[in-house]
Amino acid sequence: MSHVGGRIALAVLSAALLAAAPLTQAADGAARSRAQFLQVQNDVMCVSCHEPLAVAQSPQAFSERDYIRQLIAQGLTKAQIEKNLVANYGPAVLAKPPAHGFNLVIYVLPPAVLLIGVAFLAYTLPRWRRKTRLAAAGPMAVASRPLDPEDERRLREDLARQA
């Protein structure tokens, strides 16, 4: 009898899991579309108030959000949604400008300036430090360097004349 009861319990448990699976998938799908909505909303702007859509409170922002929700309901990807938004509202709807043409300067210039600055510092700092050490050591530091053979000859001649 317990063997039959175990089978019945297993069958009931299996039926419950099968019935709950679509609900779990629906909840997962809703969570994914919400996450996708948040991602899209954070990457676009309200075209009327020029604020990020995530914080904009204008009627246009509400309209854009509704349009994004409609596109998500159609099952479009983030890239497809952004493409539709650009088609409807123009490139000003994107928070980040596309990386081509003159807009490429925005992406290339900051790292280039940083690299040039690092190279400049790597070149000038050792020279500044050397000059500072020599200035701190005083005139004796300059005299301790070996003389040019021509300067040494002239110095000996001058000293011989004074003696």
C-alpha atoms as a PDB file:
ATOM      1  CA  MET A   1       0.000   0.000   0.000  1.00  0.00           C
ATOM      2  CA  SER A   2       2.839   2.423   0.789  1.00  0.00           C
ATOM      3  CA  HIS A   3       4.335   1.677  -2.630  1.00  0.00           C
ATOM      4  CA  VAL A   4       1.111   2.815  -4.308  1.00  0.00           C
ATOM      5  CA  GLY A   5       0.908   5.860  -2.026  1.00  0.00           C
ATOM      6  CA  GLY A   6       4.483   6.834  -3.010  1.00  0.00           C
ATOM      7  CA  ARG A   7       3.567   6.599  -6.680  1.00  0.00           C
ATOM      8  CA  ILE A   8       0.517   8.742  -6.167  1.00  0.00           C
ATOM      9  CA  ALA A   9       2.562  11.330  -4.258  1.00  0.00           C
ATOM     10  CA  LEU A  10       5.167  11.324  -7.017  1.00  0.00           C
ATOM     11  CA  ALA A  11       2.480  11.765  -9.684  1.00  0.00           C
ATOM     12  CA  VAL A  12       0.889  14.665  -7.762  1.00  0.00           C
ATOM     13  CA  LEU A  13       4.283  16.313  -7.274  1.00  0.00           C
ATOM     14  CA  SER A  14       5.135  15.890 -10.971  1.00  0.00           C
ATOM     15  CA  ALA A  15       1.799  17.395 -12.011  1.00  0.00           C
ATOM     16  CA  ALA A  16       2.330  20.341  -9.656  1.00  0.00           C
ATOM     17  CA  LEU A  17       5.810  20.984 -11.080  1.00  0.00           C
ATOM     18  CA  LEU A  18       4.539  20.748 -14.647  1.00  0.00           C
ATOM     19  CA  ALA A  19       1.710  23.158 -13.862  1.00  0.00           C
ATOM     20  CA  ALA A  20       4.113  25.608 -12.177  1.00  0.00           C
ATOM     21  CA  ALA A  21       6.677  25.541 -15.013  1.00  0.00           C
ATOM     22  CA  PRO A  22       4.765  27.923 -17.332  1.00  0.00           C
ATOM     23  CA  LEU A  23       4.206  30.306 -14.434  1.00  0.00           C
ATOM     24  CA  THR A  24       7.927  30.282 -13.637  1.00  0.00           C
ATOM     25  CA  GLN A  25       8.808  30.824 -17.284  1.00  0.00           C
ATOM     26  CA  ALA A  26       6.335  33.699 -17.512  1.00  0.00           C
ATOM     27  CA  ALA A  27       7.850  35.299 -14.403  1.00  0.00           C
ATOM     28  CA  ASP A  28      11.357  34.827 -15.830  1.00  0.00           C
ATOM     29  CA  GLY A  29      10.232  36.341 -19.149  1.00  0.00           C
ATOM     30  CA  ALA A  30       8.693  39.324 -17.365  1.00  0.00           C
ATOM     31  CA  ALA A  31      11.885  39.828 -15.368  1.00  0.00           C
ATOM     32  CA  ARG A  32      13.949  39.651 -18.543  1.00  0.00           C
ATOM     33  CA  SER A  33      11.737  42.165 -20.362  1.00  0.00           C
ATOM     34  CA  ARG A  34      11.866  44.478 -17.341  1.00  0.00           C
ATOM     35  CA  ALA A  35      15.641  44.236 -17.316  1.00  0.00           C
ATOM     36  CA  GLN A  36      15.682  44.890 -21.048  1.00  0.00           C
ATOM     37  CA  PHE A  37      13.369  47.878 -20.565  1.00  0.00           C
ATOM     38  CA  LEU A  38      15.700  49.293 -17.922  1.00  0.00           C
ATOM     39  CA  GLN A  39      18.712  48.770 -20.174  1.00  0.00           C
ATOM     40  CA  VAL A  40      17.051  50.511 -23.099  1.00  0.00           C
ATOM     41  CA  GLN A  41      15.684  53.283 -20.901  1.00  0.00           C
ATOM     42  CA  ASN A  42      19.164  53.975 -19.497  1.00  0.00           C
ATOM     43  CA  ASP A  43      20.705  54.221 -22.972  1.00  0.00           C
ATOM     44  CA  VAL A  44      18.250  56.652 -24.581  1.00  0.00           C
ATOM     45  CA  MET A  45      17.261  60.277 -24.080  1.00  0.00           C
ATOM     46  CA  CYS A  46      13.975  62.127 -24.000  1.00  0.00           C
ATOM     47  CA  VAL A  47      14.001  64.074 -27.250  1.00  0.00           C
ATOM     48  CA  SER A  48      11.946  66.988 -25.934  1.00  0.00           C
ATOM     49  CA  CYS A  49      13.732  67.727 -22.631  1.00  0.00           C
ATOM     50  CA  HIS A  50      17.180  66.281 -23.547  1.00  0.00           C
ATOM     51  CA  GLU A  51      17.454  64.314 -20.284  1.00  0.00           C
ATOM     52  CA  PRO A  52      18.105  60.594 -19.867  1.00  0.00           C
ATOM     53  CA  LEU A  53      14.809  58.779 -20.340  1.00  0.00           C
ATOM     54  CA  ALA A  54      15.257  57.055 -16.981  1.00  0.00           C
ATOM     55  CA  VAL A  55      14.798  60.394 -15.146  1.00  0.00           C
ATOM     56  CA  ALA A  56      12.731  62.445 -17.610  1.00  0.00           C
ATOM     57  CA  GLN A  57       9.157  63.254 -16.567  1.00  0.00           C
ATOM     58  CA  SER A  58       7.810  65.028 -19.641  1.00  0.00           C
ATOM     59  CA  PRO A  59       4.810  63.778 -21.653  1.00  0.00           C
ATOM     60  CA  GLN A  60       7.248  62.932 -24.458  1.00  0.00           C
ATOM     61  CA  ALA A  61       9.256  60.733 -22.048  1.00  0.00           C
ATOM     62  CA  PHE A  62       6.110  58.805 -21.097  1.00  0.00           C
ATOM     63  CA  SER A  63       5.312  58.380 -24.781  1.00  0.00           C
ATOM     64  CA  GLU A  64       8.819  57.068 -25.504  1.00  0.00           C
ATOM     65  CA  ARG A  65       8.579  54.624 -22.587  1.00  0.00           C
ATOM     66  CA  ASP A  66       5.252  53.300 -23.883  1.00  0.00           C
ATOM     67  CA  TYR A  67       6.745  52.876 -27.351  1.00  0.00           C
ATOM     68  CA  ILE A  68       9.708  50.963 -25.879  1.00  0.00           C
ATOM     69  CA  ARG A  69       7.322  48.684 -23.960  1.00  0.00           C
ATOM     70  CA  GLN A  70       5.429  47.990 -27.189  1.00  0.00           C
ATOM     71  CA  LEU A  71       8.654  47.059 -28.976  1.00  0.00           C
ATOM     72  CA  ILE A  72       9.684  44.793 -26.081  1.00  0.00           C
ATOM     73  CA  ALA A  73       6.272  43.109 -26.235  1.00  0.00           C
ATOM     74  CA  GLN A  74       6.963  42.396 -29.915  1.00  0.00           C
ATOM     75  CA  GLY A  75      10.106  40.535 -28.822  1.00  0.00           C
ATOM     76  CA  LEU A  76      12.675  42.881 -30.358  1.00  0.00           C
ATOM     77  CA  THR A  77      16.268  42.952 -29.141  1.00  0.00           C
ATOM     78  CA  LYS A  78      17.876  46.017 -27.585  1.00  0.00           C
ATOM     79  CA  ALA A  79      19.697  46.844 -30.840  1.00  0.00           C
ATOM     80  CA  GLN A  80      16.464  46.548 -32.841  1.00  0.00           C
ATOM     81  CA  ILE A  81      14.635  48.745 -30.339  1.00  0.00           C
ATOM     82  CA  GLU A  82      17.341  51.404 -30.536  1.00  0.00           C
ATOM     83  CA  LYS A  83      17.201  51.248 -34.328  1.00  0.00           C
ATOM     84  CA  ASN A  84      13.418  51.808 -34.238  1.00  0.00           C
ATOM     85  CA  LEU A  85      13.835  54.680 -31.795  1.00  0.00           C
ATOM     86  CA  VAL A  86      16.391  56.350 -34.091  1.00  0.00           C
ATOM     87  CA  ALA A  87      14.055  55.838 -37.053  1.00  0.00           C
ATOM     88  CA  ASN A  88      11.178  57.514 -35.169  1.00  0.00           C
ATOM     89  CA  TYR A  89      12.941  60.195 -33.142  1.00  0.00           C
ATOM     90  CA  GLY A  90      16.301  60.699 -34.875  1.00  0.00           C
ATOM     91  CA  PRO A  91      19.847  60.114 -33.594  1.00  0.00           C
ATOM     92  CA  ALA A  92      19.325  62.595 -30.726  1.00  0.00           C
ATOM     93  CA  VAL A  93      17.402  59.852 -28.903  1.00  0.00           C
ATOM     94  CA  LEU A  94      20.623  57.914 -28.255  1.00  0.00           C
ATOM     95  CA  ALA A  95      22.502  58.767 -25.063  1.00  0.00           C
ATOM     96  CA  LYS A  96      25.812  57.767 -26.657  1.00  0.00           C
ATOM     97  CA  PRO A  97      26.468  58.988 -30.196  1.00  0.00           C
ATOM     98  CA  PRO A  98      27.252  56.330 -32.797  1.00  0.00           C
ATOM     99  CA  ALA A  99      30.981  55.636 -33.164  1.00  0.00           C
ATOM    100  CA  HIS A 100      31.492  56.710 -36.776  1.00  0.00           C
ATOM    101  CA  GLY A 101      32.218  59.897 -38.635  1.00  0.00           C
ATOM    102  CA  PHE A 102      32.925  62.999 -36.568  1.00  0.00           C
ATOM    103  CA  ASN A 103      31.428  61.314 -33.475  1.00  0.00           C
ATOM    104  CA  LEU A 104      34.414  58.982 -33.479  1.00  0.00           C
ATOM    105  CA  VAL A 105      36.454  61.891 -32.086  1.00  0.00           C
ATOM    106  CA  ILE A 106      34.518  61.570 -28.821  1.00  0.00           C
ATOM    107  CA  TYR A 107      35.770  58.012 -28.400  1.00  0.00           C
ATOM    108  CA  VAL A 108      39.328  58.478 -29.707  1.00  0.00           C
ATOM    109  CA  LEU A 109      40.338  61.872 -28.324  1.00  0.00           C
ATOM    110  CA  PRO A 110      40.256  61.237 -24.543  1.00  0.00           C
ATOM    111  CA  PRO A 111      42.502  58.134 -24.638  1.00  0.00           C
ATOM    112  CA  ALA A 112      44.851  59.883 -27.095  1.00  0.00           C
ATOM    113  CA  VAL A 113      45.157  62.933 -24.818  1.00  0.00           C
ATOM    114  CA  LEU A 114      45.792  60.650 -21.857  1.00  0.00           C
ATOM    115  CA  LEU A 115      48.553  58.766 -23.702  1.00  0.00           C
ATOM    116  CA  ILE A 116      50.181  61.999 -24.858  1.00  0.00           C
ATOM    117  CA  GLY A 117      50.083  63.333 -21.282  1.00  0.00           C
ATOM    118  CA  VAL A 118      51.681  60.179 -19.884  1.00  0.00           C
ATOM    119  CA  ALA A 119      54.396  60.271 -22.560  1.00  0.00           C
ATOM    120  CA  PHE A 120      55.059  63.969 -21.832  1.00  0.00           C
ATOM    121  CA  LEU A 121      55.402  63.300 -18.101  1.00  0.00           C
ATOM    122  CA  ALA A 122      57.620  60.265 -18.693  1.00  0.00           C
ATOM    123  CA  TYR A 123      59.892  62.466 -20.812  1.00  0.00           C
ATOM    124  CA  THR A 124      59.997  65.614 -18.651  1.00  0.00           C
ATOM    125  CA  LEU A 125      59.894  64.327 -15.059  1.00  0.00           C
ATOM    126  CA  PRO A 126      63.356  62.710 -15.119  1.00  0.00           C
ATOM    127  CA  ARG A 127      64.831  65.931 -16.542  1.00  0.00           C
ATOM    128  CA  TRP A 128      63.115  68.079 -13.915  1.00  0.00           C
ATOM    129  CA  ARG A 129      64.362  65.810 -11.156  1.00  0.00           C
ATOM    130  CA  ARG A 130      67.916  65.867 -12.514  1.00  0.00           C
ATOM    131  CA  LYS A 131      67.909  69.680 -12.745  1.00  0.00           C
ATOM    132  CA  THR A 132      66.477  69.968  -9.239  1.00  0.00           C
ATOM    133  CA  ARG A 133      69.162  67.672  -7.807  1.00  0.00           C
ATOM    134  CA  LEU A 134      71.910  69.640  -9.543  1.00  0.00           C
ATOM    135  CA  ALA A 135      70.511  72.966  -8.326  1.00  0.00           C
ATOM    136  CA  ALA A 136      70.227  71.644  -4.765  1.00  0.00           C
ATOM    137  CA  ALA A 137      73.820  70.349  -4.817  1.00  0.00           C
ATOM    138  CA  GLY A 138      75.107  73.819  -5.683  1.00  0.00           C
ATOM    139  CA  PRO A 139      78.032  74.892  -7.889  1.00  0.00           C
ATOM    140  CA  MET A 140      80.265  72.076  -6.637  1.00  0.00           C
ATOM    141  CA  ALA A 141      78.067  69.535  -8.387  1.00  0.00           C
ATOM    142  CA  VAL A 142      78.773  71.212 -11.713  1.00  0.00           C
ATOM    143  CA  ALA A 143      82.540  71.309 -11.006  1.00  0.00           C
ATOM    144  CA  SER A 144      82.651  67.631 -10.148  1.00  0.00           C
ATOM    145  CA  ARG A 145      81.833  66.666 -13.704  1.00  0.00           C
ATOM    146  CA  PRO A 146      84.848  65.879 -15.919  1.00  0.00           C
ATOM    147  CA  LEU A 147      86.040  68.767 -18.053  1.00  0.00           C
ATOM    148  CA  ASP A 148      86.182  68.831 -21.761  1.00  0.00           C
ATOM    149  CA  PRO A 149      89.856  68.323 -22.853  1.00  0.00           C
ATOM    150  CA  GLU A 150      89.917  71.784 -24.459  1.00  0.00           C
ATOM    151  CA  ASP A 151      88.554  73.419 -21.277  1.00  0.00           C
ATOM    152  CA  GLU A 152      91.078  71.518 -19.177  1.00  0.00           C
ATOM    153  CA  ARG A 153      93.972  72.778 -21.350  1.00  0.00           C
ATOM    154  CA  ARG A 154      92.786  76.397 -21.070  1.00  0.00           C
ATOM    155  CA  LEU A 155      92.383  76.053 -17.300  1.00  0.00           C
ATOM    156  CA  ARG A 156      95.960  74.783 -16.897  1.00  0.00           C
ATOM    157  CA  GLU A 157      97.295  77.638 -19.007  1.00  0.00           C
ATOM    158  CA  ASP A 158      95.404  80.197 -16.890  1.00  0.00           C
ATOM    159  CA  LEU A 159      96.654  78.666 -13.652  1.00  0.00           C
ATOM    160  CA  ALA A 160     100.245  78.599 -14.957  1.00  0.00           C
ATOM    161  CA  ARG A 161     100.080  82.325 -15.834  1.00  0.00           C
ATOM    162  CA  GLN A 162      98.820  83.240 -12.380  1.00  0.00           C
ATOM    163  CA  ALA A 163     101.609  81.388 -10.621  1.00  0.00           C
END
